[in-house]
């Protein structure tokens, strides 16, 4: 069986979240930061505020002393880039929680632990 891509894993996670937490689903969203695009589109997105390193998914729900949750998705074995590590430190500095997930199972564990 072919390993899942980061995109496939993220889609599964979003689908699961929408099914399990419909009442707070509007507070959970993706940041269209990654992916291939041409130079013109990249310039427009940068001018509109896209920033390198921002986490893939955000949950704007304060819990357990955290202001919000940022989730960086990676395929199995995937590692953060330097800009993602910098963003993680910034999030943690302002009392946000930042997690790295490589699978639906990791995502479910993190979400359940965060929401309670």
PDB file of N, CA and C in Angstrom:
ATOM      1  N   UNK A   1       0.832  -1.181   0.000  1.00  0.00           N
ATOM      2  CA  UNK A   1       0.000   0.000   0.000  1.00  0.00           C
ATOM      3  C   UNK A   1       0.882   1.251   0.000  1.00  0.00           C
ATOM      4  N   UNK A   2       0.560   2.163  -0.864  1.00  0.00           N
ATOM      5  CA  UNK A   2       1.320   3.403  -1.004  1.00  0.00           C
ATOM      6  C   UNK A   2       1.078   4.325   0.213  1.00  0.00           C
ATOM      7  N   UNK A   3       2.156   4.900   0.783  1.00  0.00           N
ATOM      8  CA  UNK A   3       1.972   5.787   1.936  1.00  0.00           C
ATOM      9  C   UNK A   3       1.132   7.018   1.560  1.00  0.00           C
ATOM     10  N   UNK A   4       0.364   7.495   2.515  1.00  0.00           N
ATOM     11  CA  UNK A   4      -0.450   8.679   2.286  1.00  0.00           C
ATOM     12  C   UNK A   4       0.420   9.923   2.165  1.00  0.00           C
ATOM     13  N   UNK A   5      -0.052  10.865   1.355  1.00  0.00           N
ATOM     14  CA  UNK A   5       0.617  12.155   1.263  1.00  0.00           C
ATOM     15  C   UNK A   5       0.170  13.023   2.443  1.00  0.00           C
ATOM     16  N   UNK A   6       0.883  14.102   2.674  1.00  0.00           N
ATOM     17  CA  UNK A   6       0.490  15.052   3.711  1.00  0.00           C
ATOM     18  C   UNK A   6      -0.920  15.578   3.438  1.00  0.00           C
ATOM     19  N   UNK A   7      -1.213  15.867   2.189  1.00  0.00           N
ATOM     20  CA  UNK A   7      -2.538  16.375   1.815  1.00  0.00           C
ATOM     21  C   UNK A   7      -3.633  15.365   2.145  1.00  0.00           C
ATOM     22  N   UNK A   8      -3.408  14.088   1.837  1.00  0.00           N
ATOM     23  CA  UNK A   8      -4.409  13.059   2.132  1.00  0.00           C
ATOM     24  C   UNK A   8      -4.647  12.933   3.637  1.00  0.00           C
ATOM     25  N   UNK A   9      -3.571  12.973   4.405  1.00  0.00           N
ATOM     26  CA  UNK A   9      -3.693  12.877   5.862  1.00  0.00           C
ATOM     27  C   UNK A   9      -4.479  14.083   6.392  1.00  0.00           C
ATOM     28  N   UNK A  10      -4.148  15.265   5.907  1.00  0.00           N
ATOM     29  CA  UNK A  10      -4.832  16.473   6.369  1.00  0.00           C
ATOM     30  C   UNK A  10      -6.327  16.415   6.022  1.00  0.00           C
ATOM     31  N   UNK A  11      -6.662  15.960   4.825  1.00  0.00           N
ATOM     32  CA  UNK A  11      -8.079  15.835   4.434  1.00  0.00           C
ATOM     33  C   UNK A  11      -8.815  14.892   5.381  1.00  0.00           C
ATOM     34  N   UNK A  12      -8.188  13.770   5.726  1.00  0.00           N
ATOM     35  CA  UNK A  12      -8.804  12.822   6.657  1.00  0.00           C
ATOM     36  C   UNK A  12      -9.027  13.473   8.026  1.00  0.00           C
ATOM     37  N   UNK A  13      -8.056  14.248   8.475  1.00  0.00           N
ATOM     38  CA  UNK A  13      -8.152  14.920   9.777  1.00  0.00           C
ATOM     39  C   UNK A  13      -9.282  15.951   9.778  1.00  0.00           C
ATOM     40  N   UNK A  14      -9.367  16.735   8.734  1.00  0.00           N
ATOM     41  CA  UNK A  14     -10.414  17.752   8.631  1.00  0.00           C
ATOM     42  C   UNK A  14     -11.788  17.084   8.580  1.00  0.00           C
ATOM     43  N   UNK A  15     -11.916  16.040   7.801  1.00  0.00           N
ATOM     44  CA  UNK A  15     -13.187  15.309   7.699  1.00  0.00           C
ATOM     45  C   UNK A  15     -13.602  14.773   9.076  1.00  0.00           C
ATOM     46  N   UNK A  16     -12.655  14.167   9.789  1.00  0.00           N
ATOM     47  CA  UNK A  16     -12.937  13.637  11.121  1.00  0.00           C
ATOM     48  C   UNK A  16     -13.387  14.755  12.058  1.00  0.00           C
ATOM     49  N   UNK A  17     -12.659  15.868  12.078  1.00  0.00           N
ATOM     50  CA  UNK A  17     -12.996  16.976  12.976  1.00  0.00           C
ATOM     51  C   UNK A  17     -14.405  17.491  12.692  1.00  0.00           C
ATOM     52  N   UNK A  18     -14.730  17.667  11.433  1.00  0.00           N
ATOM     53  CA  UNK A  18     -16.060  18.178  11.055  1.00  0.00           C
ATOM     54  C   UNK A  18     -17.171  17.245  11.516  1.00  0.00           C
ATOM     55  N   UNK A  19     -16.922  15.956  11.478  1.00  0.00           N
ATOM     56  CA  UNK A  19     -17.937  14.988  11.908  1.00  0.00           C
ATOM     57  C   UNK A  19     -18.089  14.941  13.420  1.00  0.00           C
ATOM     58  N   UNK A  20     -16.977  15.049  14.134  1.00  0.00           N
ATOM     59  CA  UNK A  20     -16.991  14.869  15.582  1.00  0.00           C
ATOM     60  C   UNK A  20     -17.317  16.167  16.328  1.00  0.00           C
ATOM     61  N   UNK A  21     -16.902  17.308  15.798  1.00  0.00           N
ATOM     62  CA  UNK A  21     -17.080  18.590  16.486  1.00  0.00           C
ATOM     63  C   UNK A  21     -17.799  19.621  15.611  1.00  0.00           C
ATOM     64  N   UNK A  22     -19.000  19.316  15.132  1.00  0.00           N
ATOM     65  CA  UNK A  22     -19.681  20.264  14.234  1.00  0.00           C
ATOM     66  C   UNK A  22     -19.973  21.625  14.875  1.00  0.00           C
ATOM     67  N   UNK A  23     -20.193  21.673  16.167  1.00  0.00           N
ATOM     68  CA  UNK A  23     -20.535  22.939  16.829  1.00  0.00           C
ATOM     69  C   UNK A  23     -19.384  23.940  16.823  1.00  0.00           C
ATOM     70  N   UNK A  24     -18.153  23.440  16.836  1.00  0.00           N
ATOM     71  CA  UNK A  24     -16.995  24.356  16.843  1.00  0.00           C
ATOM     72  C   UNK A  24     -16.223  24.322  15.529  1.00  0.00           C
ATOM     73  N   UNK A  25     -16.742  23.596  14.561  1.00  0.00           N
ATOM     74  CA  UNK A  25     -16.064  23.453  13.271  1.00  0.00           C
ATOM     75  C   UNK A  25     -15.752  24.794  12.605  1.00  0.00           C
ATOM     76  N   UNK A  26     -16.607  25.839  12.735  1.00  0.00           N
ATOM     77  CA  UNK A  26     -16.241  27.122  12.116  1.00  0.00           C
ATOM     78  C   UNK A  26     -14.960  27.754  12.686  1.00  0.00           C
ATOM     79  N   UNK A  27     -14.542  27.316  13.876  1.00  0.00           N
ATOM     80  CA  UNK A  27     -13.319  27.843  14.493  1.00  0.00           C
ATOM     81  C   UNK A  27     -12.072  27.056  14.089  1.00  0.00           C
ATOM     82  N   UNK A  28     -12.255  26.052  13.245  1.00  0.00           N
ATOM     83  CA  UNK A  28     -11.175  25.171  12.805  1.00  0.00           C
ATOM     84  C   UNK A  28     -11.012  25.318  11.293  1.00  0.00           C
ATOM     85  N   UNK A  29      -9.820  25.690  10.859  1.00  0.00           N
ATOM     86  CA  UNK A  29      -9.628  25.943   9.431  1.00  0.00           C
ATOM     87  C   UNK A  29      -8.185  25.749   9.014  1.00  0.00           C
ATOM     88  N   UNK A  30      -8.012  25.616   7.702  1.00  0.00           N
ATOM     89  CA  UNK A  30      -6.692  25.438   7.100  1.00  0.00           C
ATOM     90  C   UNK A  30      -6.131  26.781   6.669  1.00  0.00           C
ATOM     91  N   UNK A  31      -4.817  26.851   6.673  1.00  0.00           N
ATOM     92  CA  UNK A  31      -4.099  28.013   6.160  1.00  0.00           C
ATOM     93  C   UNK A  31      -3.466  27.585   4.839  1.00  0.00           C
ATOM     94  N   UNK A  32      -3.888  28.172   3.718  1.00  0.00           N
ATOM     95  CA  UNK A  32      -3.370  27.736   2.410  1.00  0.00           C
ATOM     96  C   UNK A  32      -1.958  28.257   2.155  1.00  0.00           C
ATOM     97  N   UNK A  33      -1.017  27.703   2.890  1.00  0.00           N
ATOM     98  CA  UNK A  33       0.350  28.201   2.857  1.00  0.00           C
ATOM     99  C   UNK A  33       1.270  27.381   1.967  1.00  0.00           C
ATOM    100  N   UNK A  34       0.967  26.098   1.817  1.00  0.00           N
ATOM    101  CA  UNK A  34       1.876  25.226   1.079  1.00  0.00           C
ATOM    102  C   UNK A  34       1.388  24.961  -0.328  1.00  0.00           C
ATOM    103  N   UNK A  35       2.030  24.010  -0.957  1.00  0.00           N
ATOM    104  CA  UNK A  35       1.616  23.605  -2.298  1.00  0.00           C
ATOM    105  C   UNK A  35       2.347  24.355  -3.389  1.00  0.00           C
ATOM    106  N   UNK A  36       2.303  23.765  -4.560  1.00  0.00           N
ATOM    107  CA  UNK A  36       2.975  24.365  -5.720  1.00  0.00           C
ATOM    108  C   UNK A  36       2.087  25.452  -6.321  1.00  0.00           C
ATOM    109  N   UNK A  37       2.717  26.542  -6.720  1.00  0.00           N
ATOM    110  CA  UNK A  37       1.989  27.622  -7.402  1.00  0.00           C
ATOM    111  C   UNK A  37       2.975  28.399  -8.254  1.00  0.00           C
ATOM    112  N   UNK A  38       2.453  29.098  -9.230  1.00  0.00           N
ATOM    113  CA  UNK A  38       3.342  29.869 -10.088  1.00  0.00           C
ATOM    114  C   UNK A  38       3.788  31.152  -9.372  1.00  0.00           C
ATOM    115  N   UNK A  39       4.778  31.824  -9.927  1.00  0.00           N
ATOM    116  CA  UNK A  39       5.371  33.006  -9.295  1.00  0.00           C
ATOM    117  C   UNK A  39       4.346  34.122  -9.105  1.00  0.00           C
ATOM    118  N   UNK A  40       3.461  34.313 -10.078  1.00  0.00           N
ATOM    119  CA  UNK A  40       2.462  35.392  -9.989  1.00  0.00           C
ATOM    120  C   UNK A  40       1.504  35.142  -8.821  1.00  0.00           C
ATOM    121  N   UNK A  41       1.010  33.921  -8.717  1.00  0.00           N
ATOM    122  CA  UNK A  41       0.099  33.573  -7.619  1.00  0.00           C
ATOM    123  C   UNK A  41       0.817  33.685  -6.282  1.00  0.00           C
ATOM    124  N   UNK A  42       2.058  33.235  -6.226  1.00  0.00           N
ATOM    125  CA  UNK A  42       2.835  33.328  -4.985  1.00  0.00           C
ATOM    126  C   UNK A  42       3.005  34.780  -4.562  1.00  0.00           C
ATOM    127  N   UNK A  43       3.263  35.676  -5.508  1.00  0.00           N
ATOM    128  CA  UNK A  43       3.415  37.099  -5.185  1.00  0.00           C
ATOM    129  C   UNK A  43       2.106  37.678  -4.648  1.00  0.00           C
ATOM    130  N   UNK A  44       1.013  37.353  -5.309  1.00  0.00           N
ATOM    131  CA  UNK A  44      -0.293  37.846  -4.845  1.00  0.00           C
ATOM    132  C   UNK A  44      -0.560  37.354  -3.422  1.00  0.00           C
ATOM    133  N   UNK A  45      -0.330  36.084  -3.181  1.00  0.00           N
ATOM    134  CA  UNK A  45      -0.587  35.519  -1.853  1.00  0.00           C
ATOM    135  C   UNK A  45       0.313  36.159  -0.799  1.00  0.00           C
ATOM    136  N   UNK A  46       1.575  36.385  -1.138  1.00  0.00           N
ATOM    137  CA  UNK A  46       2.481  37.035  -0.196  1.00  0.00           C
ATOM    138  C   UNK A  46       2.011  38.458   0.098  1.00  0.00           C
ATOM    139  N   UNK A  47       1.594  39.183  -0.930  1.00  0.00           N
ATOM    140  CA  UNK A  47       1.074  40.542  -0.747  1.00  0.00           C
ATOM    141  C   UNK A  47      -0.183  40.550   0.109  1.00  0.00           C
ATOM    142  N   UNK A  48      -0.959  39.459   0.043  1.00  0.00           N
ATOM    143  CA  UNK A  48      -2.188  39.346   0.838  1.00  0.00           C
ATOM    144  C   UNK A  48      -1.935  38.875   2.261  1.00  0.00           C
ATOM    145  N   UNK A  49      -0.687  38.535   2.579  1.00  0.00           N
ATOM    146  CA  UNK A  49      -0.356  38.199   3.956  1.00  0.00           C
ATOM    147  C   UNK A  49       0.093  36.786   4.234  1.00  0.00           C
ATOM    148  N   UNK A  50       0.232  35.945   3.221  1.00  0.00           N
ATOM    149  CA  UNK A  50       0.730  34.591   3.450  1.00  0.00           C
ATOM    150  C   UNK A  50       2.148  34.687   4.001  1.00  0.00           C
ATOM    151  N   UNK A  51       2.425  33.858   5.003  1.00  0.00           N
ATOM    152  CA  UNK A  51       3.742  33.850   5.641  1.00  0.00           C
ATOM    153  C   UNK A  51       4.309  32.437   5.659  1.00  0.00           C
ATOM    154  N   UNK A  52       5.558  32.322   5.369  1.00  0.00           N
ATOM    155  CA  UNK A  52       6.242  31.029   5.424  1.00  0.00           C
ATOM    156  C   UNK A  52       6.242  30.512   6.859  1.00  0.00           C
ATOM    157  N   UNK A  53       6.023  29.212   6.994  1.00  0.00           N
ATOM    158  CA  UNK A  53       6.149  28.566   8.295  1.00  0.00           C
ATOM    159  C   UNK A  53       4.873  28.461   9.105  1.00  0.00           C
ATOM    160  N   UNK A  54       3.812  29.165   8.707  1.00  0.00           N
ATOM    161  CA  UNK A  54       2.567  29.123   9.470  1.00  0.00           C
ATOM    162  C   UNK A  54       2.008  27.699   9.436  1.00  0.00           C
ATOM    163  N   UNK A  55       1.452  27.255  10.554  1.00  0.00           N
ATOM    164  CA  UNK A  55       0.921  25.897  10.670  1.00  0.00           C
ATOM    165  C   UNK A  55      -0.208  25.651   9.663  1.00  0.00           C
ATOM    166  N   UNK A  56      -0.425  24.395   9.345  1.00  0.00           N
ATOM    167  CA  UNK A  56      -1.425  24.012   8.350  1.00  0.00           C
ATOM    168  C   UNK A  56      -2.857  24.209   8.819  1.00  0.00           C
ATOM    169  N   UNK A  57      -3.114  23.934  10.085  1.00  0.00           N
ATOM    170  CA  UNK A  57      -4.465  23.996  10.629  1.00  0.00           C
ATOM    171  C   UNK A  57      -4.483  24.803  11.915  1.00  0.00           C
ATOM    172  N   UNK A  58      -5.542  25.579  12.104  1.00  0.00           N
ATOM    173  CA  UNK A  58      -5.697  26.379  13.309  1.00  0.00           C
ATOM    174  C   UNK A  58      -7.050  26.096  13.947  1.00  0.00           C
ATOM    175  N   UNK A  59      -7.064  26.043  15.273  1.00  0.00           N
ATOM    176  CA  UNK A  59      -8.304  25.937  16.035  1.00  0.00           C
ATOM    177  C   UNK A  59      -8.322  27.113  17.001  1.00  0.00           C
ATOM    178  N   UNK A  60      -9.230  28.046  16.751  1.00  0.00           N
ATOM    179  CA  UNK A  60      -9.323  29.259  17.562  1.00  0.00           C
ATOM    180  C   UNK A  60     -10.267  29.018  18.736  1.00  0.00           C
ATOM    181  N   UNK A  61      -9.806  28.188  19.649  1.00  0.00           N
ATOM    182  CA  UNK A  61     -10.591  27.805  20.822  1.00  0.00           C
ATOM    183  C   UNK A  61      -9.659  27.758  22.028  1.00  0.00           C
ATOM    184  N   UNK A  62      -9.833  28.670  22.982  1.00  0.00           N
ATOM    185  CA  UNK A  62      -8.975  28.636  24.165  1.00  0.00           C
ATOM    186  C   UNK A  62      -9.294  27.417  25.039  1.00  0.00           C
ATOM    187  N   UNK A  63      -8.264  26.745  25.518  1.00  0.00           N
ATOM    188  CA  UNK A  63      -8.418  25.575  26.377  1.00  0.00           C
ATOM    189  C   UNK A  63      -7.183  25.408  27.255  1.00  0.00           C
ATOM    190  N   UNK A  64      -7.407  25.020  28.506  1.00  0.00           N
ATOM    191  CA  UNK A  64      -6.337  24.615  29.434  1.00  0.00           C
ATOM    192  C   UNK A  64      -5.168  25.588  29.471  1.00  0.00           C
ATOM    193  N   UNK A  65      -5.457  26.874  29.493  1.00  0.00           N
ATOM    194  CA  UNK A  65      -4.398  27.873  29.564  1.00  0.00           C
ATOM    195  C   UNK A  65      -3.795  28.259  28.231  1.00  0.00           C
ATOM    196  N   UNK A  66      -4.219  27.640  27.165  1.00  0.00           N
ATOM    197  CA  UNK A  66      -3.752  27.992  25.821  1.00  0.00           C
ATOM    198  C   UNK A  66      -4.774  28.895  25.143  1.00  0.00           C
ATOM    199  N   UNK A  67      -4.300  29.813  24.329  1.00  0.00           N
ATOM    200  CA  UNK A  67      -5.186  30.745  23.620  1.00  0.00           C
ATOM    201  C   UNK A  67      -5.789  30.112  22.364  1.00  0.00           C
ATOM    202  N   UNK A  68      -5.065  29.177  21.740  1.00  0.00           N
ATOM    203  CA  UNK A  68      -5.472  28.568  20.479  1.00  0.00           C
ATOM    204  C   UNK A  68      -4.559  27.379  20.211  1.00  0.00           C
ATOM    205  N   UNK A  69      -4.891  26.606  19.182  1.00  0.00           N
ATOM    206  CA  UNK A  69      -4.104  25.432  18.803  1.00  0.00           C
ATOM    207  C   UNK A  69      -3.672  25.540  17.348  1.00  0.00           C
ATOM    208  N   UNK A  70      -2.397  25.326  17.100  1.00  0.00           N
ATOM    209  CA  UNK A  70      -1.843  25.246  15.743  1.00  0.00           C
ATOM    210  C   UNK A  70      -1.390  23.811  15.500  1.00  0.00           C
ATOM    211  N   UNK A  71      -1.745  23.287  14.328  1.00  0.00           N
ATOM    212  CA  UNK A  71      -1.390  21.911  13.984  1.00  0.00           C
ATOM    213  C   UNK A  71      -0.609  21.916  12.674  1.00  0.00           C
ATOM    214  N   UNK A  72       0.587  21.415  12.732  1.00  0.00           N
ATOM    215  CA  UNK A  72       1.408  21.246  11.528  1.00  0.00           C
ATOM    216  C   UNK A  72       1.312  19.790  11.100  1.00  0.00           C
ATOM    217  N   UNK A  73       0.844  19.572   9.889  1.00  0.00           N
ATOM    218  CA  UNK A  73       0.699  18.224   9.352  1.00  0.00           C
ATOM    219  C   UNK A  73       1.959  17.841   8.567  1.00  0.00           C
ATOM    220  N   UNK A  74       2.362  16.603   8.720  1.00  0.00           N
ATOM    221  CA  UNK A  74       3.493  16.055   7.972  1.00  0.00           C
ATOM    222  C   UNK A  74       3.180  14.617   7.587  1.00  0.00           C
ATOM    223  N   UNK A  75       3.702  14.188   6.462  1.00  0.00           N
ATOM    224  CA  UNK A  75       3.590  12.767   6.130  1.00  0.00           C
ATOM    225  C   UNK A  75       4.508  12.004   7.085  1.00  0.00           C
ATOM    226  N   UNK A  76       4.320  10.703   7.247  1.00  0.00           N
ATOM    227  CA  UNK A  76       5.184   9.937   8.142  1.00  0.00           C
ATOM    228  C   UNK A  76       6.662  10.174   7.828  1.00  0.00           C
ATOM    229  N   UNK A  77       7.415  10.484   8.856  1.00  0.00           N
ATOM    230  CA  UNK A  77       8.834  10.769   8.709  1.00  0.00           C
ATOM    231  C   UNK A  77       9.145  12.209   8.341  1.00  0.00           C
ATOM    232  N   UNK A  78       8.115  13.011   8.048  1.00  0.00           N
ATOM    233  CA  UNK A  78       8.320  14.408   7.660  1.00  0.00           C
ATOM    234  C   UNK A  78       8.806  15.259   8.824  1.00  0.00           C
ATOM    235  N   UNK A  79       9.604  16.249   8.506  1.00  0.00           N
ATOM    236  CA  UNK A  79      10.197  17.135   9.518  1.00  0.00           C
ATOM    237  C   UNK A  79       9.789  18.579   9.248  1.00  0.00           C
ATOM    238  N   UNK A  80       9.794  19.390  10.299  1.00  0.00           N
ATOM    239  CA  UNK A  80       9.514  20.816  10.156  1.00  0.00           C
ATOM    240  C   UNK A  80      10.649  21.520   9.429  1.00  0.00           C
ATOM    241  N   UNK A  81      10.280  22.545   8.685  1.00  0.00           N
ATOM    242  CA  UNK A  81      11.282  23.431   8.096  1.00  0.00           C
ATOM    243  C   UNK A  81      11.749  24.413   9.171  1.00  0.00           C
ATOM    244  N   UNK A  82      12.806  25.129   8.867  1.00  0.00           N
ATOM    245  CA  UNK A  82      13.299  26.134   9.813  1.00  0.00           C
ATOM    246  C   UNK A  82      12.234  27.194  10.079  1.00  0.00           C
ATOM    247  N   UNK A  83      11.524  27.643   9.030  1.00  0.00           N
ATOM    248  CA  UNK A  83      10.498  28.673   9.230  1.00  0.00           C
ATOM    249  C   UNK A  83       9.336  28.133  10.072  1.00  0.00           C
ATOM    250  N   UNK A  84       9.038  26.857   9.984  1.00  0.00           N
ATOM    251  CA  UNK A  84       7.995  26.260  10.817  1.00  0.00           C
ATOM    252  C   UNK A  84       8.433  26.183  12.278  1.00  0.00           C
ATOM    253  N   UNK A  85       9.692  25.912  12.501  1.00  0.00           N
ATOM    254  CA  UNK A  85      10.221  25.885  13.871  1.00  0.00           C
ATOM    255  C   UNK A  85      10.176  27.278  14.486  1.00  0.00           C
ATOM    256  N   UNK A  86      10.502  28.286  13.693  1.00  0.00           N
ATOM    257  CA  UNK A  86      10.439  29.674  14.170  1.00  0.00           C
ATOM    258  C   UNK A  86       8.997  30.025  14.527  1.00  0.00           C
ATOM    259  N   UNK A  87       8.046  29.654  13.650  1.00  0.00           N
ATOM    260  CA  UNK A  87       6.634  29.925  13.919  1.00  0.00           C
ATOM    261  C   UNK A  87       6.185  29.209  15.190  1.00  0.00           C
ATOM    262  N   UNK A  88       6.604  27.968  15.385  1.00  0.00           N
ATOM    263  CA  UNK A  88       6.247  27.233  16.600  1.00  0.00           C
ATOM    264  C   UNK A  88       6.700  27.992  17.851  1.00  0.00           C
ATOM    265  N   UNK A  89       7.920  28.483  17.846  1.00  0.00           N
ATOM    266  CA  UNK A  89       8.425  29.221  19.009  1.00  0.00           C
ATOM    267  C   UNK A  89       7.604  30.490  19.261  1.00  0.00           C
ATOM    268  N   UNK A  90       7.209  31.171  18.200  1.00  0.00           N
ATOM    269  CA  UNK A  90       6.379  32.377  18.344  1.00  0.00           C
ATOM    270  C   UNK A  90       5.010  32.033  18.934  1.00  0.00           C
ATOM    271  N   UNK A  91       4.404  30.977  18.430  1.00  0.00           N
ATOM    272  CA  UNK A  91       3.101  30.529  18.944  1.00  0.00           C
ATOM    273  C   UNK A  91       3.198  30.221  20.434  1.00  0.00           C
ATOM    274  N   UNK A  92       4.205  29.482  20.805  1.00  0.00           N
ATOM    275  CA  UNK A  92       4.376  29.093  22.209  1.00  0.00           C
ATOM    276  C   UNK A  92       4.662  30.299  23.092  1.00  0.00           C
ATOM    277  N   UNK A  93       5.341  31.290  22.562  1.00  0.00           N
ATOM    278  CA  UNK A  93       5.641  32.509  23.310  1.00  0.00           C
ATOM    279  C   UNK A  93       4.369  33.293  23.658  1.00  0.00           C
ATOM    280  N   UNK A  94       3.358  33.225  22.783  1.00  0.00           N
ATOM    281  CA  UNK A  94       2.113  33.970  23.022  1.00  0.00           C
ATOM    282  C   UNK A  94       1.020  33.060  23.599  1.00  0.00           C
ATOM    283  N   UNK A  95       1.437  31.949  24.211  1.00  0.00           N
ATOM    284  CA  UNK A  95       0.543  31.033  24.920  1.00  0.00           C
ATOM    285  C   UNK A  95      -0.388  30.235  24.026  1.00  0.00           C
ATOM    286  N   UNK A  96       0.030  30.002  22.790  1.00  0.00           N
ATOM    287  CA  UNK A  96      -0.682  29.070  21.930  1.00  0.00           C
ATOM    288  C   UNK A  96      -0.054  27.696  22.071  1.00  0.00           C
ATOM    289  N   UNK A  97      -0.804  26.684  21.706  1.00  0.00           N
ATOM    290  CA  UNK A  97      -0.256  25.321  21.689  1.00  0.00           C
ATOM    291  C   UNK A  97       0.030  24.962  20.242  1.00  0.00           C
ATOM    292  N   UNK A  98       1.149  24.307  20.005  1.00  0.00           N
ATOM    293  CA  UNK A  98       1.580  23.917  18.669  1.00  0.00           C
ATOM    294  C   UNK A  98       1.887  22.428  18.707  1.00  0.00           C
ATOM    295  N   UNK A  99       1.314  21.678  17.778  1.00  0.00           N
ATOM    296  CA  UNK A  99       1.586  20.243  17.710  1.00  0.00           C
ATOM    297  C   UNK A  99       1.921  19.848  16.275  1.00  0.00           C
ATOM    298  N   UNK A 100       2.666  18.785  16.167  1.00  0.00           N
ATOM    299  CA  UNK A 100       3.068  18.207  14.888  1.00  0.00           C
ATOM    300  C   UNK A 100       2.387  16.844  14.778  1.00  0.00           C
ATOM    301  N   UNK A 101       1.644  16.607  13.688  1.00  0.00           N
ATOM    302  CA  UNK A 101       0.927  15.343  13.505  1.00  0.00           C
ATOM    303  C   UNK A 101       1.329  14.701  12.183  1.00  0.00           C
ATOM    304  N   UNK A 102       1.572  13.387  12.239  1.00  0.00           N
ATOM    305  CA  UNK A 102       1.975  12.613  11.062  1.00  0.00           C
ATOM    306  C   UNK A 102       0.903  11.636  10.603  1.00  0.00           C
ATOM    307  N   UNK A 103      -0.230  11.616  11.289  1.00  0.00           N
ATOM    308  CA  UNK A 103      -1.283  10.658  10.953  1.00  0.00           C
ATOM    309  C   UNK A 103      -2.609  11.125  11.538  1.00  0.00           C
ATOM    310  N   UNK A 104      -3.681  10.514  11.074  1.00  0.00           N
ATOM    311  CA  UNK A 104      -5.001  10.776  11.643  1.00  0.00           C
ATOM    312  C   UNK A 104      -5.018  10.386  13.118  1.00  0.00           C
ATOM    313  N   UNK A 105      -4.392   9.286  13.453  1.00  0.00           N
ATOM    314  CA  UNK A 105      -4.381   8.825  14.839  1.00  0.00           C
ATOM    315  C   UNK A 105      -3.700   9.840  15.763  1.00  0.00           C
ATOM    316  N   UNK A 106      -2.570  10.403  15.342  1.00  0.00           N
ATOM    317  CA  UNK A 106      -1.891  11.429  16.138  1.00  0.00           C
ATOM    318  C   UNK A 106      -2.776  12.666  16.271  1.00  0.00           C
ATOM    319  N   UNK A 107      -3.421  13.053  15.177  1.00  0.00           N
ATOM    320  CA  UNK A 107      -4.305  14.213  15.167  1.00  0.00           C
ATOM    321  C   UNK A 107      -5.457  14.025  16.162  1.00  0.00           C
ATOM    322  N   UNK A 108      -6.115  12.878  16.105  1.00  0.00           N
ATOM    323  CA  UNK A 108      -7.243  12.596  17.003  1.00  0.00           C
ATOM    324  C   UNK A 108      -6.784  12.680  18.451  1.00  0.00           C
ATOM    325  N   UNK A 109      -5.648  12.085  18.749  1.00  0.00           N
ATOM    326  CA  UNK A 109      -5.116  12.118  20.125  1.00  0.00           C
ATOM    327  C   UNK A 109      -4.867  13.560  20.573  1.00  0.00           C
ATOM    328  N   UNK A 110      -4.258  14.363  19.725  1.00  0.00           N
ATOM    329  CA  UNK A 110      -3.964  15.756  20.079  1.00  0.00           C
ATOM    330  C   UNK A 110      -5.239  16.573  20.257  1.00  0.00           C
ATOM    331  N   UNK A 111      -6.192  16.410  19.345  1.00  0.00           N
ATOM    332  CA  UNK A 111      -7.450  17.172  19.430  1.00  0.00           C
ATOM    333  C   UNK A 111      -8.223  16.788  20.684  1.00  0.00           C
ATOM    334  N   UNK A 112      -8.371  15.512  20.936  1.00  0.00           N
ATOM    335  CA  UNK A 112      -9.102  15.059  22.136  1.00  0.00           C
ATOM    336  C   UNK A 112      -8.408  15.537  23.404  1.00  0.00           C
ATOM    337  N   UNK A 113      -7.080  15.508  23.407  1.00  0.00           N
ATOM    338  CA  UNK A 113      -6.335  15.998  24.569  1.00  0.00           C
ATOM    339  C   UNK A 113      -6.506  17.493  24.764  1.00  0.00           C
ATOM    340  N   UNK A 114      -6.595  18.233  23.688  1.00  0.00           N
ATOM    341  CA  UNK A 114      -6.726  19.690  23.766  1.00  0.00           C
ATOM    342  C   UNK A 114      -8.144  20.094  24.159  1.00  0.00           C
ATOM    343  N   UNK A 115      -9.138  19.527  23.506  1.00  0.00           N
ATOM    344  CA  UNK A 115     -10.526  19.920  23.748  1.00  0.00           C
ATOM    345  C   UNK A 115     -11.055  19.330  25.051  1.00  0.00           C
ATOM    346  N   UNK A 116     -10.610  18.122  25.365  1.00  0.00           N
ATOM    347  CA  UNK A 116     -11.032  17.487  26.607  1.00  0.00           C
ATOM    348  C   UNK A 116     -12.302  16.676  26.465  1.00  0.00           C
TER     349      UNK A 116
END
